[in-house]
Protein backbone atom coordinates (compact mmCIF):
# COMPACT_ATOMS: atom_id res chain seq x y z
CA MET A 1 20.40 -3.22 10.15
CA LYS A 2 19.33 -1.55 13.38
CA TRP A 3 22.86 -0.43 14.26
CA ALA A 4 23.29 1.09 10.80
CA LEU A 5 20.01 2.95 11.24
CA ASP A 6 21.23 4.23 14.61
CA SER A 7 24.30 5.73 12.93
CA LEU A 8 22.06 7.52 10.41
CA LEU A 9 19.58 8.82 12.98
CA PRO A 10 21.47 9.39 16.26
CA GLY A 11 19.28 10.54 19.14
CA SER A 12 16.05 9.91 17.24
CA ARG A 13 13.05 7.83 18.32
CA GLN A 14 14.36 5.11 16.03
CA PHE A 15 17.77 5.29 17.74
CA LYS A 16 16.12 4.87 21.16
CA CYS A 17 13.87 2.01 19.98
CA HIS A 18 14.52 -1.21 21.93
CA ARG A 19 17.23 0.49 24.02
CA PHE A 20 15.16 1.32 27.10
CA LYS A 21 12.55 -0.61 29.02
CA ILE A 22 8.93 0.38 29.50
CA PRO A 23 8.55 1.81 33.04
CA GLY A 24 7.19 -0.78 35.43
CA LYS A 25 7.88 -3.75 33.14
CA ASP A 26 10.64 -6.34 33.09
CA LEU A 27 12.86 -6.89 30.07
CA GLU A 28 12.11 -10.42 28.94
CA VAL A 29 13.04 -12.91 26.27
CA LYS A 30 10.05 -15.03 25.28
CA LEU A 31 9.36 -17.90 22.90
CA SER A 32 6.24 -17.94 20.74
CA LEU A 33 4.57 -21.31 21.27
CA GLU A 34 2.85 -21.08 17.89
CA HIS A 35 5.78 -19.97 15.72
CA GLN A 36 8.71 -21.22 17.84
CA LYS A 37 10.47 -17.87 17.48
CA ALA A 38 12.09 -15.89 20.27
CA PHE A 39 11.29 -12.21 20.80
CA PHE A 40 11.93 -9.40 23.29
CA ALA A 41 9.23 -7.92 25.52
CA GLY A 42 9.24 -4.88 27.77
CA PHE A 43 11.26 -2.54 25.56
CA GLU A 44 10.14 0.91 24.49
CA CYS A 45 9.59 1.05 20.73
CA CYS A 46 9.37 3.84 18.18
CA GLY A 47 6.38 2.54 16.19
CA SER A 48 7.84 3.69 12.87
CA VAL A 49 6.47 1.79 9.90
CA TRP A 50 8.75 3.74 7.55
CA GLY A 51 12.12 3.65 9.25
CA CYS A 52 12.47 0.94 11.89
CA PRO A 53 13.56 -2.59 10.91
CA LEU A 54 12.24 -3.85 14.26
CA CYS A 55 8.81 -2.17 14.38
CA ALA A 56 7.91 -2.11 10.68
CA PRO A 57 7.61 -5.91 10.12
CA LYS A 58 5.41 -6.25 13.19
CA ILE A 59 3.13 -3.38 12.19
CA THR A 60 2.77 -4.42 8.56
CA GLU A 61 2.04 -8.04 9.46
CA ARG A 62 -0.78 -6.97 11.78
CA ARG A 63 -2.10 -4.66 9.06
CA ARG A 64 -1.90 -7.45 6.49
CA VAL A 65 -4.01 -9.74 8.69
CA GLU A 66 -6.61 -6.98 9.12
CA VAL A 67 -6.76 -6.29 5.38
CA ASN A 68 -7.09 -9.98 4.61
CA ASP A 69 -9.94 -10.28 7.13
CA GLY A 70 -11.61 -7.32 5.44
CA MET A 71 -11.39 -8.98 2.03
CA VAL A 72 -12.94 -12.17 3.41
CA LYS A 73 -15.81 -10.17 4.94
CA ALA A 74 -16.30 -8.32 1.66
CA GLN A 75 -16.71 -11.57 -0.23
CA GLU A 76 -19.28 -12.72 2.32
CA LEU A 77 -21.21 -9.49 1.65
CA GLY A 78 -21.06 -10.05 -2.09
CA LEU A 79 -18.70 -7.15 -2.77
CA LYS A 80 -16.06 -7.16 -5.47
CA VAL A 81 -12.50 -6.25 -4.50
CA MET A 82 -10.23 -4.76 -7.16
CA LEU A 83 -6.66 -3.50 -6.95
CA ALA A 84 -5.98 -0.03 -8.35
CA THR A 85 -2.50 1.44 -8.72
CA PHE A 86 -2.02 5.22 -9.00
CA THR A 87 1.25 6.74 -10.22
CA VAL A 88 2.47 10.25 -10.96
CA PRO A 89 5.18 11.54 -13.32
CA HIS A 90 8.56 12.04 -11.64
CA GLY A 91 12.19 12.49 -12.56
CA LEU A 92 15.69 12.13 -11.18
CA GLY A 93 16.37 14.99 -8.79
CA ASP A 94 12.72 15.68 -7.99
CA ASP A 95 11.91 16.51 -4.36
CA VAL A 96 10.30 13.27 -3.15
CA ASP A 97 8.75 15.06 -0.16
CA LEU A 98 7.03 17.52 -2.50
CA ILE A 99 5.96 14.77 -4.92
CA ARG A 100 4.46 12.77 -2.04
CA HIS A 101 2.50 15.76 -0.79
CA GLN A 102 1.28 16.57 -4.30
CA MET A 103 0.27 12.95 -4.87
CA MET A 104 -1.82 12.86 -1.69
CA GLN A 105 -3.33 16.22 -2.58
CA ALA A 106 -4.18 14.91 -6.05
CA TRP A 107 -6.05 12.01 -4.45
CA ARG A 108 -8.12 14.36 -2.29
CA LYS A 109 -8.78 16.94 -5.00
CA GLY A 110 -9.83 14.22 -7.42
CA THR A 111 -11.94 11.87 -5.31
CA ASP A 112 -13.56 14.62 -3.21
CA SER A 113 -14.54 16.79 -6.18
CA ARG A 114 -18.11 16.84 -7.46
CA ALA A 115 -17.04 14.75 -10.46
CA GLY A 116 -15.09 12.41 -8.18
CA LYS A 117 -18.08 11.80 -5.92
CA ALA A 118 -20.27 11.12 -8.95
CA MET A 119 -17.68 8.69 -10.30
CA ARG A 120 -17.45 6.83 -6.99
CA LYS A 121 -21.22 6.44 -6.96
CA SER A 122 -21.34 5.31 -10.59
CA ILE A 123 -18.83 2.50 -10.02
CA GLY A 124 -20.51 1.36 -6.79
CA LEU A 125 -17.59 2.17 -4.49
CA ASN A 126 -18.40 1.21 -0.89
CA GLY A 127 -14.96 2.05 0.46
CA TYR A 128 -11.24 1.59 -0.06
CA ILE A 129 -7.95 0.79 1.64
CA ARG A 130 -5.07 2.95 0.42
CA VAL A 131 -1.42 1.94 0.81
CA VAL A 132 1.43 4.34 -0.01
CA GLU A 133 4.70 2.83 -1.26
CA VAL A 134 7.94 4.15 -2.73
CA THR A 135 10.81 2.72 -4.78
CA TYR A 136 13.99 4.23 -6.23
CA GLY A 137 15.08 3.73 -9.85
CA GLN A 138 16.61 5.44 -12.87
CA ASN A 139 14.09 8.29 -12.57
CA GLY A 140 14.68 8.81 -8.86
CA PHE A 141 12.16 8.16 -6.11
CA HIS A 142 8.84 6.76 -7.30
CA PRO A 143 6.04 7.27 -4.75
CA HIS A 144 2.80 5.54 -5.71
CA MET A 145 -0.40 4.18 -4.21
CA HIS A 146 -2.03 0.77 -4.24
CA VAL A 147 -5.74 1.03 -3.43
CA LEU A 148 -8.05 -1.89 -2.69
CA LEU A 149 -11.49 -0.94 -4.00
CA PHE A 150 -14.56 -2.51 -2.37
CA LEU A 151 -17.31 -2.36 -4.97
CA ASN A 152 -20.95 -3.28 -5.45
CA THR A 153 -20.82 -3.36 -9.21
CA SER A 154 -20.99 -5.43 -12.38
CA LEU A 155 -18.32 -3.28 -14.04
CA THR A 156 -15.06 -4.80 -15.21
CA PRO A 157 -11.67 -3.58 -13.96
CA GLN A 158 -11.10 -1.93 -17.34
CA GLN A 159 -14.36 0.00 -17.03
CA VAL A 160 -13.47 1.13 -13.50
CA GLN A 161 -10.06 2.23 -14.76
CA GLN A 162 -11.59 4.23 -17.60
CA SER A 163 -13.96 5.93 -15.15
CA TRP A 164 -11.23 6.82 -12.67
CA TYR A 165 -8.49 8.07 -15.01
CA PRO A 166 -10.04 11.50 -15.78
CA ILE A 167 -10.61 12.05 -12.05
CA TRP A 168 -6.97 11.23 -11.29
CA LEU A 169 -5.82 13.43 -14.18
CA ASP A 170 -7.87 16.35 -12.84
CA GLY A 171 -6.53 15.87 -9.31
CA CYS A 172 -2.93 15.79 -10.55
CA ARG A 173 -3.40 18.96 -12.58
CA LYS A 174 -4.95 20.77 -9.61
CA SER A 175 -2.01 19.71 -7.43
CA GLY A 176 0.76 20.98 -9.70
CA LEU A 177 1.81 17.62 -11.09
CA ASP A 178 2.45 16.79 -14.72
CA ASP A 179 -0.25 14.79 -16.48
CA PRO A 180 -0.12 11.07 -15.65
CA SER A 181 -0.23 8.92 -18.76
CA GLU A 182 -3.45 7.14 -19.61
CA ALA A 183 -1.46 3.91 -19.92
CA HIS A 184 0.17 4.05 -16.48
CA GLY A 185 -1.50 6.74 -14.36
CA VAL A 186 -4.31 4.45 -13.20
CA LYS A 187 -4.28 0.67 -13.49
CA VAL A 188 -7.11 -1.47 -12.13
CA ASP A 189 -6.84 -5.26 -11.79
CA ASP A 190 -9.31 -7.90 -10.68
CA GLY A 191 -9.72 -9.65 -7.36
CA SER A 192 -7.00 -12.23 -7.97
CA HIS A 193 -4.43 -9.44 -8.19
CA ALA A 194 -5.86 -7.89 -5.02
CA ALA A 195 -5.56 -11.18 -3.11
CA ASN A 196 -2.04 -11.75 -4.41
CA TYR A 197 -0.98 -8.24 -3.38
CA VAL A 198 -2.35 -8.63 0.15
CA SER A 199 -0.71 -12.04 0.57
CA LYS A 200 2.71 -10.53 -0.18
CA TRP A 201 2.30 -7.16 1.52
CA GLY A 202 3.33 -6.91 5.11
CA LEU A 203 5.08 -9.77 6.87
CA ASP A 204 8.77 -9.01 6.63
CA SER A 205 8.79 -9.42 2.85
CA GLU A 206 10.39 -6.10 1.98
CA LEU A 207 12.92 -6.49 4.76
CA THR A 208 13.94 -10.05 3.98
CA LYS A 209 12.61 -11.07 0.58
CA GLY A 210 12.26 -7.87 -1.43
CA HIS A 211 15.71 -8.39 -2.93
CA LEU A 212 14.76 -11.75 -4.44
CA LYS A 213 12.86 -10.29 -7.41
CA LYS A 214 14.64 -11.03 -10.67
CA GLY A 215 15.46 -8.50 -13.33
CA ARG A 216 14.02 -5.52 -11.54
CA ALA A 217 15.02 -1.93 -12.19
CA SER A 218 14.45 -0.37 -8.77
CA VAL A 219 15.11 -0.83 -5.07
CA ASN A 220 12.93 -0.27 -2.02
CA PRO A 221 13.91 1.67 1.11
CA TRP A 222 14.81 -1.49 3.03
CA ASP A 223 17.17 -2.43 0.20
CA LEU A 224 18.86 0.94 0.66
CA LEU A 225 19.26 0.36 4.39
CA ARG A 226 20.52 -3.18 3.77
CA ILE A 227 23.14 -1.93 1.30
CA HIS A 228 24.21 0.79 3.73
CA THR A 229 24.48 -1.81 6.50
CA PHE A 230 26.48 -4.48 4.70
CA GLY A 231 27.88 -2.99 1.50
CA LEU A 232 27.48 -4.62 -1.92
CA GLU A 233 30.00 -7.44 -1.43
CA HIS A 234 28.42 -8.99 1.66
CA ARG A 235 26.63 -12.35 1.41
CA ALA A 236 23.52 -10.70 2.86
CA ILE A 237 23.15 -8.83 -0.44
CA ASN A 238 21.58 -10.89 -3.21
CA SER A 239 23.41 -10.78 -6.57
CA ASP A 240 20.36 -9.30 -8.30
CA LEU A 241 20.22 -6.49 -5.75
CA THR A 242 23.94 -5.91 -6.28
CA ASP A 243 23.43 -5.69 -10.05
CA THR A 244 20.51 -3.29 -9.66
CA ALA A 245 22.43 -1.09 -7.22
CA ARG A 246 25.42 -0.88 -9.53
CA THR A 247 23.19 -0.03 -12.47
CA LEU A 248 21.72 2.79 -10.39
CA GLU A 249 25.22 3.79 -9.18
CA ILE A 250 24.29 3.22 -5.54
CA ASP A 251 27.13 2.34 -3.18
CA LYS A 252 27.15 1.93 0.60
CA ASP A 253 27.38 5.66 1.38
CA GLN A 254 24.92 6.72 -1.31
CA ALA A 255 22.42 4.13 -0.04
CA GLY A 256 22.57 5.72 3.41
CA ARG A 257 22.03 9.20 2.01
CA LEU A 258 19.08 8.04 -0.10
CA PHE A 259 17.51 6.24 2.85
CA LEU A 260 17.65 9.48 4.86
CA VAL A 261 16.03 11.42 2.02
CA PHE A 262 13.24 8.84 1.90
CA PHE A 263 12.75 8.66 5.66
CA ARG A 264 12.61 12.41 6.17
CA ALA A 265 10.00 12.68 3.41
CA PHE A 266 7.72 9.91 4.70
CA ARG A 267 8.10 9.88 8.50
CA GLY A 268 4.93 10.78 10.34
CA SER A 269 2.69 10.01 7.37
CA ARG A 270 0.23 7.14 7.18
CA GLN A 271 1.24 4.13 5.16
CA LEU A 272 -2.20 2.51 5.22
CA TYR A 273 -5.58 4.24 5.36
CA TRP A 274 -9.11 2.81 5.60
CA SER A 275 -11.84 5.02 4.13
CA ASN A 276 -14.47 6.26 6.56
CA GLY A 277 -17.10 3.66 7.37
CA LEU A 278 -15.43 0.71 5.64
CA ARG A 279 -14.32 -1.08 8.80
CA ALA A 280 -17.84 -0.77 10.25
CA LEU A 281 -19.35 -2.04 7.00
CA LEU A 282 -17.10 -5.09 7.13
CA GLY A 283 -17.72 -5.69 10.84
CA LEU A 284 -14.13 -5.04 11.93
CA LYS A 285 -13.01 -3.55 15.22
CA ALA A 286 -11.89 0.06 15.53
CA GLU A 287 -8.45 0.72 14.07
CA VAL A 288 -5.46 1.12 16.37
CA THR A 289 -2.35 3.19 15.71
CA ASP A 290 1.00 1.95 14.44
CA GLN A 291 2.44 2.74 17.87
CA GLN A 292 -0.15 0.55 19.59
CA LEU A 293 0.54 -2.31 17.19
CA ALA A 294 4.28 -2.02 17.75
CA GLU A 295 3.83 -2.11 21.52
CA GLU A 296 1.65 -5.22 21.50
CA GLU A 297 3.34 -8.51 22.28
CA MET A 298 3.74 -10.62 19.18
CA ASP A 299 2.15 -13.64 20.77
CA THR A 300 0.24 -13.90 24.03
CA ALA A 301 0.83 -17.67 24.06
CA ALA A 302 4.53 -17.48 24.86
CA ALA A 303 6.99 -19.09 27.24
CA LEU A 304 9.35 -16.93 29.31
CA LEU A 305 12.96 -17.81 28.51
CA ALA A 306 14.79 -15.16 30.52
CA THR A 307 14.46 -11.89 32.40
CA LEU A 308 17.27 -9.46 31.59
CA THR A 309 19.10 -7.23 34.04
CA ASP A 310 20.09 -3.68 33.11
CA LEU A 311 23.68 -4.81 32.59
CA GLN A 312 22.59 -7.59 30.27
CA ARG A 313 20.46 -5.11 28.32
CA LEU A 314 23.53 -2.98 27.63
CA ASP A 315 25.19 -5.94 25.90
CA LEU A 316 22.38 -6.26 23.34
């Protein structure tokens, strides 16, 4: 998939990712002693969680571990963790970059308003972790947010949902969006859904397993890049993904164009955000950037298999 990405983004940071070595370091092939998987070390990397099939799995896995640690700490502190999903109305042909900006603005205008602050206090919100995601379906690109809520409350998920919906509605209206439906605009689920979401988020699930869902009506950005890389007839494309793509009238070339639309809309933005003070409350270390996570070696307990020369690097 990396070579297909390079053809879509020639000369970009993603194109240069894992092509050049970090100054002063050797290019090495190492073996993780824990996972028995080989990996490269010493290459410059782009640190893109949105557009790089090499950096994104590494970043999201590290983030997943952090989020899971946070949930464990929250339970030790007696906090409830709920999973809230926020969606906005959208249609085929809408500008996904504009919709994303309006969605983030709606979050700020809603939660930071006087009514929003009162609502957060009333539901016992101690903090949140917000994750931005996007899919593509019959109604075009569908940006949405999953938010882990850390609460000191006896309220049920339904009560939290009822409290938050008018705040979300107000934020959407102030941001130029159509009214989100009461049925789908805000959905709050209990801790079991939160734990299940965290267990599946990250890793390389969207890169390698996202196409295994049955009977779905949408694709994710990595599906688009996969289709553009291999085409619909290749064995790397699951039959369900093929069926979904054909229903959406997505072929190899269209998948590449859609991936570029997505990437240009989301690059540079944060995928995951911890609310101020939450990490300190949970006793976690200071957050590092996506770039720092991408540059870290996957496993410090690793055996050196080979050191590559510049000529060998060119053959990769």
